[in-house]
Amino acid sequence: MNKIKVGIIREGKVPHDKRVPFTPAQCKLILEQFPDVELFIQPCEYRCYLDNEYRSAGLQLKEDLSECDILMGIKEVPINDLIPGKKYLFFSHTIKKQSHNRKLLKAILEKKIQLIDYECLTDDEHNRVIGFGRFAGIIGAYNGINAYGKRYNLFNLRQAYQFNSLLELEAELEKVRLPNLKIIITGGGRVANGAIETMGILKIRKVTPYEFINYSFREPVYVNLHSMDYYKPKDGRPWVHGAFYEHPEEFDSNFIRFAPVCDMLIHCAFWNPLAAPLFTKEEMKSPAFHISVIADVTCDLNGSIPSTTMPSTIDNPFYGYDPVTGTTDGAFEKNTITVMAVDNLPCELPRESSDDFGKNLIERVLPALFQNDDKGIIARATITSNSHLTKQFSFLEDYVAS
């Protein structure tokens, strides 16, 4: 019986991502659990795990992966690096019709590649089974707190990428002493739960939406808002769980009622492009809009948060958005709202986030990928096959053709 040949590709997108689908120890585990699989590691100088660490674990390094059946990476693969006729797994960032990746999806179709998108790997109830969300939330919230400290000259924390572990990040947060600010965290998934972990490290108390709006506090507090807290049906009907996710265009945002009493927004909620943004640029011009720091962990450009007009970077995580002019300026100027919109936050703790990601891949995805996809995990996440969009992703046809 022929073995399934799997290649771990190096990240070609610039700036280079340091994360990996599997750590060296996890690669060894895969070979033990799936004896019909061979693994090949494409050499790379900038991974968080060095080539020698893979060699020491007994893995084979190979530059040419054209003989592999399955190729796995993290971020988008440059078009020139795509090998025709292969099965690829990576985050393609195409399902929201991101304009900058239209050519990539078109090339994948032309090269008859089967694209399996990590973001689309879901269970029977359509809940995502893997992701870097927890670390995105932890680091995004950390960066938001750091931005607030810098803006008001309260403290100046080290940047998250300077830590070797999550324990070091937690130790840095022990230095923080916050005033009685109010923080909003949106969402209920891995990303939001990661941000809530950071609130726990800081020992910030959680309050209800009613308390958040109506009460004053002598200590910092946060509220965790879900869609039902800041969206309402346009026709005045009662909120029905599930209706918003099926037809988000039938709902208006009423998030603005929180803005006069909120100091910092940590936005972690998935956003459907058919949904209204949380607030508008016009609403941000109002003196009643009190939010001065926005940590947009989702980083949907010109999407759910109007001030997220461009991504920031790990080296320069903050920029200022002037709500009056709609332009970007100094991150901590009085006339601006400080924005944190790093689009690859887990890269700031790449080894630990890779380890967490790889564990979930092995447990929840590889059996379906290598053996039997009887629950449809791989099928639901397959965007393209045999030069066609699959049925569930046929809504991308106009995006590819445009």
Protein backbone atom coordinates (compact mmCIF):
# COMPACT_ATOMS: atom_id res chain seq x y z
CA MET A 1 0.00 0.00 0.00
CA ASN A 2 1.36 3.42 -0.98
CA LYS A 3 1.97 5.81 1.87
CA ILE A 4 0.34 9.23 2.08
CA LYS A 5 3.11 11.76 1.59
CA VAL A 6 2.61 15.00 3.53
CA GLY A 7 4.79 18.06 3.17
CA ILE A 8 5.09 20.87 5.70
CA ILE A 9 5.76 23.92 3.52
CA ARG A 10 7.70 26.99 4.58
CA GLU A 11 5.74 30.21 4.75
CA GLY A 12 6.25 32.22 1.58
CA LYS A 13 4.01 35.16 2.34
CA VAL A 14 5.86 38.33 3.39
CA PRO A 15 6.22 39.25 6.20
CA HIS A 16 7.08 35.64 6.98
CA ASP A 17 4.97 33.80 9.49
CA LYS A 18 6.99 31.88 12.11
CA ARG A 19 4.23 29.45 13.06
CA VAL A 20 4.05 25.80 11.99
CA PRO A 21 1.18 23.32 11.65
CA PHE A 22 3.08 20.79 13.79
CA THR A 23 5.96 20.94 16.24
CA PRO A 24 8.80 18.39 15.88
CA ALA A 25 7.37 16.33 18.75
CA GLN A 26 3.93 16.36 17.13
CA CYS A 27 5.43 15.18 13.83
CA LYS A 28 6.88 12.16 15.62
CA LEU A 29 3.48 11.49 17.17
CA ILE A 30 1.79 11.63 13.76
CA LEU A 31 4.16 9.02 12.34
CA GLU A 32 3.40 6.77 15.31
CA GLN A 33 -0.36 7.19 15.13
CA PHE A 34 -0.63 7.04 11.33
CA PRO A 35 1.86 4.44 10.04
CA ASP A 36 0.62 4.96 6.46
CA VAL A 37 1.87 8.56 6.48
CA GLU A 38 5.28 9.97 5.51
CA LEU A 39 6.24 13.50 6.56
CA PHE A 40 8.64 15.85 4.83
CA ILE A 41 9.69 19.25 6.18
CA GLN A 42 10.67 21.97 3.72
CA PRO A 43 13.78 23.73 5.08
CA CYS A 44 13.22 27.22 6.48
CA GLU A 45 15.43 29.79 8.23
CA TYR A 46 12.72 31.76 10.03
CA ARG A 47 10.39 29.19 11.62
CA CYS A 48 9.94 29.27 15.39
CA TYR A 49 11.14 25.64 15.33
CA LEU A 50 14.55 25.26 13.68
CA ASP A 51 15.44 22.76 10.97
CA ASN A 52 17.79 21.02 13.40
CA GLU A 53 14.93 20.51 15.85
CA TYR A 54 13.04 18.59 13.16
CA ARG A 55 16.19 16.64 12.22
CA SER A 56 16.79 15.75 15.86
CA ALA A 57 13.24 14.38 16.02
CA GLY A 58 14.05 12.05 13.10
CA LEU A 59 12.13 14.01 10.45
CA GLN A 60 13.17 14.23 6.83
CA LEU A 61 13.94 17.67 5.40
CA LYS A 62 13.24 18.07 1.71
CA GLU A 63 13.28 21.14 -0.52
CA ASP A 64 11.25 19.68 -3.40
CA LEU A 65 7.80 18.65 -2.19
CA SER A 66 6.33 17.94 -5.61
CA GLU A 67 5.97 14.22 -4.80
CA CYS A 68 3.77 14.94 -1.78
CA ASP A 69 0.05 14.29 -1.88
CA ILE A 70 -0.88 16.82 0.81
CA LEU A 71 0.82 20.14 1.55
CA MET A 72 0.21 21.97 4.82
CA GLY A 73 1.13 25.50 5.87
CA ILE A 74 -0.35 28.38 7.84
CA LYS A 75 -0.87 31.55 5.78
CA GLU A 76 -1.71 32.10 2.11
CA VAL A 77 0.67 30.40 -0.33
CA PRO A 78 2.20 32.70 -2.97
CA ILE A 79 0.75 31.92 -6.40
CA ASN A 80 4.14 31.06 -7.90
CA ASP A 81 4.75 28.49 -5.15
CA LEU A 82 1.52 26.54 -5.73
CA ILE A 83 2.05 23.02 -7.11
CA PRO A 84 -0.76 21.99 -9.50
CA GLY A 85 -2.99 19.06 -8.68
CA LYS A 86 -2.15 18.89 -4.97
CA LYS A 87 -4.25 19.00 -1.81
CA TYR A 88 -3.45 22.08 0.29
CA LEU A 89 -4.41 23.07 3.84
CA PHE A 90 -3.88 26.68 4.94
CA PHE A 91 -5.77 29.84 5.90
CA SER A 92 -6.72 31.22 2.49
CA HIS A 93 -8.61 34.33 3.69
CA THR A 94 -10.96 34.17 0.71
CA ILE A 95 -14.39 33.24 2.12
CA LYS A 96 -15.19 36.87 2.96
CA LYS A 97 -14.28 37.80 -0.62
CA GLN A 98 -11.11 39.58 0.46
CA SER A 99 -10.07 41.53 -2.62
CA HIS A 100 -6.35 41.01 -2.11
CA ASN A 101 -6.72 37.20 -2.38
CA ARG A 102 -9.03 36.96 -5.41
CA LYS A 103 -6.09 36.20 -7.71
CA LEU A 104 -4.93 33.48 -5.32
CA LEU A 105 -8.28 31.67 -5.40
CA LYS A 106 -8.43 32.02 -9.17
CA ALA A 107 -4.95 30.47 -9.47
CA ILE A 108 -5.94 27.60 -7.17
CA LEU A 109 -8.86 26.83 -9.47
CA GLU A 110 -6.71 27.05 -12.59
CA LYS A 111 -4.10 24.72 -11.08
CA LYS A 112 -6.78 22.15 -10.11
CA ILE A 113 -5.82 22.29 -6.45
CA GLN A 114 -8.04 20.96 -3.69
CA LEU A 115 -8.09 23.75 -1.11
CA ILE A 116 -9.06 22.86 2.44
CA ASP A 117 -9.30 26.00 4.55
CA TYR A 118 -8.54 25.67 8.27
CA GLU A 119 -11.08 28.37 9.01
CA CYS A 120 -13.83 26.19 7.55
CA LEU A 121 -13.08 22.98 9.48
CA THR A 122 -16.23 22.50 11.55
CA ASP A 123 -18.10 19.81 13.47
CA ASP A 124 -21.65 18.59 12.82
CA GLU A 125 -23.07 21.72 14.43
CA HIS A 126 -20.83 24.01 12.34
CA ASN A 127 -18.58 24.96 15.26
CA ARG A 128 -14.96 25.50 14.29
CA VAL A 129 -12.71 22.67 15.47
CA ILE A 130 -9.28 24.30 15.22
CA GLY A 131 -7.72 27.74 15.14
CA PHE A 132 -5.23 30.11 16.71
CA GLY A 133 -8.07 32.06 18.30
CA ARG A 134 -7.12 31.60 21.94
CA PHE A 135 -3.68 33.12 21.47
CA ALA A 136 -5.03 35.86 19.21
CA GLY A 137 -7.40 36.83 22.03
CA ILE A 138 -4.79 36.68 24.77
CA ILE A 139 -2.25 38.75 22.85
CA GLY A 140 -4.84 41.11 21.37
CA ALA A 141 -6.14 41.97 24.83
CA TYR A 142 -2.57 42.33 26.12
CA ASN A 143 -1.78 44.75 23.29
CA GLY A 144 -4.97 46.69 24.03
CA ILE A 145 -3.99 47.08 27.68
CA ASN A 146 -0.50 48.12 26.63
CA ALA A 147 -1.97 50.72 24.24
CA TYR A 148 -4.10 52.17 27.04
CA GLY A 149 -1.09 52.41 29.33
CA LYS A 150 0.98 54.17 26.68
CA ARG A 151 -1.83 56.53 25.69
CA TYR A 152 -2.32 57.81 29.24
CA ASN A 153 1.30 57.44 30.44
CA LEU A 154 0.30 54.85 33.05
CA PHE A 155 2.82 52.13 32.16
CA ASN A 156 4.91 50.90 29.24
CA LEU A 157 4.84 47.14 28.85
CA ARG A 158 7.22 45.05 26.80
CA GLN A 159 5.79 43.98 23.46
CA ALA A 160 4.35 40.47 23.41
CA TYR A 161 6.78 39.15 20.78
CA GLN A 162 9.65 39.78 23.21
CA PHE A 163 8.45 37.01 25.52
CA ASN A 164 9.55 33.40 25.22
CA SER A 165 6.40 32.04 26.82
CA LEU A 166 2.91 32.84 28.00
CA LEU A 167 4.19 32.69 31.59
CA GLU A 168 6.50 35.63 30.87
CA LEU A 169 3.59 37.61 29.42
CA GLU A 170 1.52 36.90 32.52
CA ALA A 171 4.38 38.05 34.75
CA GLU A 172 4.57 41.33 32.82
CA LEU A 173 0.84 41.93 33.40
CA GLU A 174 1.38 41.69 37.15
CA LYS A 175 3.05 45.13 36.92
CA VAL A 176 -0.17 46.72 35.63
CA ARG A 177 -2.32 48.94 37.81
CA LEU A 178 -5.39 50.17 35.98
CA PRO A 179 -7.77 53.02 36.83
CA ASN A 180 -11.54 52.48 36.85
CA LEU A 181 -11.88 52.06 33.10
CA LYS A 182 -14.64 50.09 31.37
CA ILE A 183 -13.73 47.45 28.77
CA ILE A 184 -15.95 45.68 26.24
CA ILE A 185 -15.03 42.25 24.81
CA THR A 186 -17.22 41.10 21.92
CA GLY A 187 -17.76 37.49 20.90
CA GLY A 188 -18.17 34.07 22.45
CA GLY A 189 -15.59 31.86 20.73
CA ARG A 190 -11.93 31.00 21.22
CA VAL A 191 -10.77 34.54 20.50
CA ALA A 192 -13.07 36.16 23.05
CA ASN A 193 -12.23 33.50 25.63
CA GLY A 194 -8.55 34.23 25.10
CA ALA A 195 -9.17 37.93 25.77
CA ILE A 196 -11.15 36.97 28.87
CA GLU A 197 -8.12 34.95 30.04
CA THR A 198 -6.12 38.19 29.97
CA MET A 199 -8.83 39.90 32.03
CA GLY A 200 -8.48 37.06 34.53
CA ILE A 201 -4.73 37.52 34.79
CA LEU A 202 -5.37 41.21 35.53
CA LYS A 203 -8.12 40.26 38.02
CA ILE A 204 -10.59 42.59 36.27
CA ARG A 205 -14.18 42.01 37.36
CA LYS A 206 -16.86 40.99 34.88
CA VAL A 207 -20.20 42.84 34.93
CA THR A 208 -23.49 42.51 33.06
CA PRO A 209 -24.45 44.70 30.07
CA TYR A 210 -27.02 46.50 32.26
CA GLU A 211 -24.47 47.19 34.97
CA PHE A 212 -21.93 48.32 32.39
CA ILE A 213 -24.26 50.95 30.96
CA ASN A 214 -25.93 52.14 34.16
CA TYR A 215 -23.40 51.87 36.99
CA SER A 216 -20.16 53.59 37.87
CA PHE A 217 -17.31 51.64 39.43
CA ARG A 218 -14.22 52.37 41.52
CA GLU A 219 -12.28 49.60 39.79
CA PRO A 220 -11.70 48.44 36.21
CA VAL A 221 -14.48 46.20 34.86
CA TYR A 222 -15.29 44.42 31.62
CA VAL A 223 -18.41 43.11 29.93
CA ASN A 224 -18.55 40.29 27.40
CA LEU A 225 -21.08 41.18 24.71
CA HIS A 226 -22.67 38.73 22.25
CA SER A 227 -24.54 39.45 19.03
CA MET A 228 -27.89 39.69 20.81
CA ASP A 229 -26.47 42.50 22.97
CA TYR A 230 -25.59 44.81 20.07
CA TYR A 231 -27.80 43.77 17.15
CA LYS A 232 -31.58 44.01 16.88
CA PRO A 233 -34.08 42.90 14.18
CA LYS A 234 -34.97 45.72 11.80
CA ASP A 235 -38.67 44.94 12.02
CA GLY A 236 -38.79 45.05 15.82
CA ARG A 237 -39.32 41.31 16.29
CA PRO A 238 -37.91 39.60 19.40
CA TRP A 239 -34.39 38.22 19.08
CA VAL A 240 -34.42 34.61 17.86
CA HIS A 241 -31.17 32.70 18.32
CA GLY A 242 -29.90 31.58 14.91
CA ALA A 243 -31.89 34.07 12.85
CA PHE A 244 -29.09 36.64 12.99
CA TYR A 245 -26.53 34.14 11.72
CA GLU A 246 -28.77 33.03 8.85
CA HIS A 247 -29.86 36.53 7.76
CA PRO A 248 -27.59 39.18 9.31
CA GLU A 249 -28.73 41.72 6.73
CA GLU A 250 -32.11 41.82 8.51
CA PHE A 251 -30.56 43.30 11.67
CA ASP A 252 -29.36 46.75 12.72
CA SER A 253 -26.56 47.43 15.17
CA ASN A 254 -27.41 49.13 18.44
CA PHE A 255 -23.87 48.93 19.82
CA ILE A 256 -23.67 52.72 19.99
CA ARG A 257 -25.58 52.73 23.30
CA PHE A 258 -22.42 51.31 24.93
CA ALA A 259 -20.03 53.86 23.39
CA PRO A 260 -20.62 56.75 25.84
CA VAL A 261 -19.54 54.62 28.83
CA CYS A 262 -16.79 52.50 27.26
CA ASP A 263 -13.07 53.30 27.43
CA MET A 264 -11.64 50.32 25.53
CA LEU A 265 -13.12 47.94 22.97
CA ILE A 266 -11.52 44.52 22.41
CA HIS A 267 -13.33 43.22 19.33
CA CYS A 268 -13.18 39.43 19.00
CA ALA A 269 -16.48 38.53 17.31
CA PHE A 270 -16.72 36.92 13.88
CA TRP A 271 -18.31 39.32 11.40
CA ASN A 272 -20.38 38.44 8.35
CA PRO A 273 -19.95 41.05 5.57
CA LEU A 274 -23.74 41.09 5.18
CA ALA A 275 -24.09 42.39 8.74
CA ALA A 276 -24.04 46.06 9.69
CA PRO A 277 -20.81 47.36 11.25
CA LEU A 278 -20.89 47.82 15.02
CA PHE A 279 -20.98 51.59 14.53
CA THR A 280 -20.46 54.06 11.72
CA LYS A 281 -17.79 56.65 10.98
CA GLU A 282 -20.41 59.35 11.57
CA GLU A 283 -21.20 57.96 15.03
CA MET A 284 -17.49 57.99 15.86
CA LYS A 285 -17.43 61.76 15.28
CA SER A 286 -19.85 62.39 18.14
CA PRO A 287 -18.43 63.79 21.42
CA ALA A 288 -20.47 61.05 23.11
CA PHE A 289 -18.27 58.39 21.51
CA HIS A 290 -16.00 57.79 24.49
CA ILE A 291 -13.93 54.82 23.28
CA SER A 292 -10.28 55.87 23.05
CA VAL A 293 -8.60 52.48 22.45
CA ILE A 294 -9.82 49.81 20.02
CA ALA A 295 -8.04 46.46 19.93
CA ASP A 296 -9.55 44.94 16.78
CA VAL A 297 -8.44 41.34 17.07
CA THR A 298 -10.60 40.32 14.09
CA CYS A 299 -8.86 42.87 11.81
CA ASP A 300 -11.56 42.90 9.13
CA LEU A 301 -10.37 45.82 7.02
CA ASN A 302 -13.14 48.38 6.45
CA GLY A 303 -15.49 45.87 8.04
CA SER A 304 -17.15 45.62 11.44
CA ILE A 305 -14.98 48.39 12.95
CA PRO A 306 -14.79 51.46 10.63
CA SER A 307 -11.52 52.70 12.13
CA THR A 308 -9.72 49.52 11.02
CA THR A 309 -8.68 50.92 7.68
CA MET A 310 -5.37 49.05 7.51
CA PRO A 311 -3.57 46.34 9.46
CA SER A 312 -0.86 47.23 11.93
CA THR A 313 2.24 45.08 12.44
CA ILE A 314 3.90 43.21 15.26
CA ASP A 315 6.75 45.74 15.26
CA ASN A 316 4.38 48.73 15.08
CA PRO A 317 1.09 47.50 16.57
CA PHE A 318 -0.67 50.85 17.03
CA TYR A 319 -1.89 53.69 14.86
CA GLY A 320 -4.26 56.57 15.39
CA TYR A 321 -7.60 57.06 13.66
CA ASP A 322 -8.92 60.61 13.48
CA PRO A 323 -12.74 60.30 13.50
CA VAL A 324 -13.22 63.85 12.21
CA THR A 325 -11.05 63.54 9.11
CA GLY A 326 -11.26 59.75 8.73
CA THR A 327 -7.49 59.57 8.34
CA THR A 328 -4.72 57.85 10.26
CA ASP A 329 -2.33 59.82 12.42
CA GLY A 330 -0.11 59.39 15.46
CA ALA A 331 -1.22 56.49 17.65
CA PHE A 332 -1.49 58.51 20.85
CA GLU A 333 -2.52 61.97 19.66
CA LYS A 334 -5.42 63.57 21.54
CA ASN A 335 -7.49 63.88 18.37
CA THR A 336 -7.17 60.19 17.49
CA ILE A 337 -8.53 56.87 18.66
CA THR A 338 -5.71 54.40 19.27
CA VAL A 339 -6.16 51.33 17.06
CA MET A 340 -4.47 47.94 17.42
CA ALA A 341 -5.15 45.82 14.31
CA VAL A 342 -2.34 43.28 14.04
CA ASP A 343 -3.57 40.55 11.69
CA ASN A 344 -1.19 37.79 12.83
CA LEU A 345 -1.26 38.14 16.62
CA PRO A 346 -0.46 34.48 17.44
CA CYS A 347 2.93 35.01 15.76
CA GLU A 348 3.95 36.97 18.86
CA LEU A 349 4.05 33.66 20.79
CA PRO A 350 4.65 31.34 17.83
CA ARG A 351 5.92 28.20 19.59
CA GLU A 352 3.10 27.95 22.08
CA SER A 353 0.39 28.90 19.60
CA SER A 354 1.75 26.33 17.10
CA ASP A 355 1.75 23.64 19.78
CA ASP A 356 -1.88 24.40 20.66
CA PHE A 357 -2.90 24.43 16.98
CA GLY A 358 -1.10 21.19 16.18
CA LYS A 359 -2.71 19.31 19.07
CA ASN A 360 -6.17 20.14 17.76
CA LEU A 361 -5.19 19.23 14.21
CA ILE A 362 -3.97 15.80 15.30
CA GLU A 363 -6.96 15.04 17.49
CA ARG A 364 -9.80 16.52 15.47
CA VAL A 365 -8.73 16.71 11.82
CA LEU A 366 -6.06 14.21 10.83
CA PRO A 367 -8.23 11.09 11.30
CA ALA A 368 -10.68 12.58 8.78
CA LEU A 369 -7.88 13.70 6.47
CA PHE A 370 -5.94 10.41 6.45
CA GLN A 371 -8.59 7.79 7.15
CA ASN A 372 -12.35 8.31 7.01
CA ASP A 373 -14.19 11.60 6.63
CA ASP A 374 -17.50 10.05 7.63
CA LYS A 375 -18.51 13.18 9.56
CA GLY A 376 -17.76 15.48 6.63
CA ILE A 377 -15.13 17.61 8.39
CA ILE A 378 -12.87 17.75 5.33
CA ALA A 379 -15.75 17.94 2.86
CA ARG A 380 -17.25 20.99 4.59
CA ALA A 381 -13.89 22.78 4.55
CA THR A 382 -13.08 22.05 0.90
CA ILE A 383 -13.43 25.28 -1.07
CA THR A 384 -12.15 24.03 -4.44
CA SER A 385 -11.91 20.63 -6.12
CA ASN A 386 -11.10 19.68 -9.73
CA SER A 387 -10.94 23.32 -10.85
CA HIS A 388 -14.41 24.09 -9.47
CA LEU A 389 -15.79 25.74 -6.36
CA THR A 390 -17.60 23.20 -4.22
CA LYS A 391 -21.35 23.58 -3.76
CA GLN A 392 -21.18 25.20 -0.32
CA PHE A 393 -18.73 27.82 -1.62
CA SER A 394 -20.50 28.56 -4.90
CA PHE A 395 -21.29 32.02 -3.50
CA LEU A 396 -17.68 32.90 -4.36
CA GLU A 397 -18.29 32.59 -8.12
CA ASP A 398 -18.84 36.33 -8.64
CA TYR A 399 -15.78 37.06 -6.49
CA VAL A 400 -13.56 34.86 -8.67
CA ALA A 401 -15.02 36.22 -11.90
CA SER A 402 -14.93 39.90 -10.96
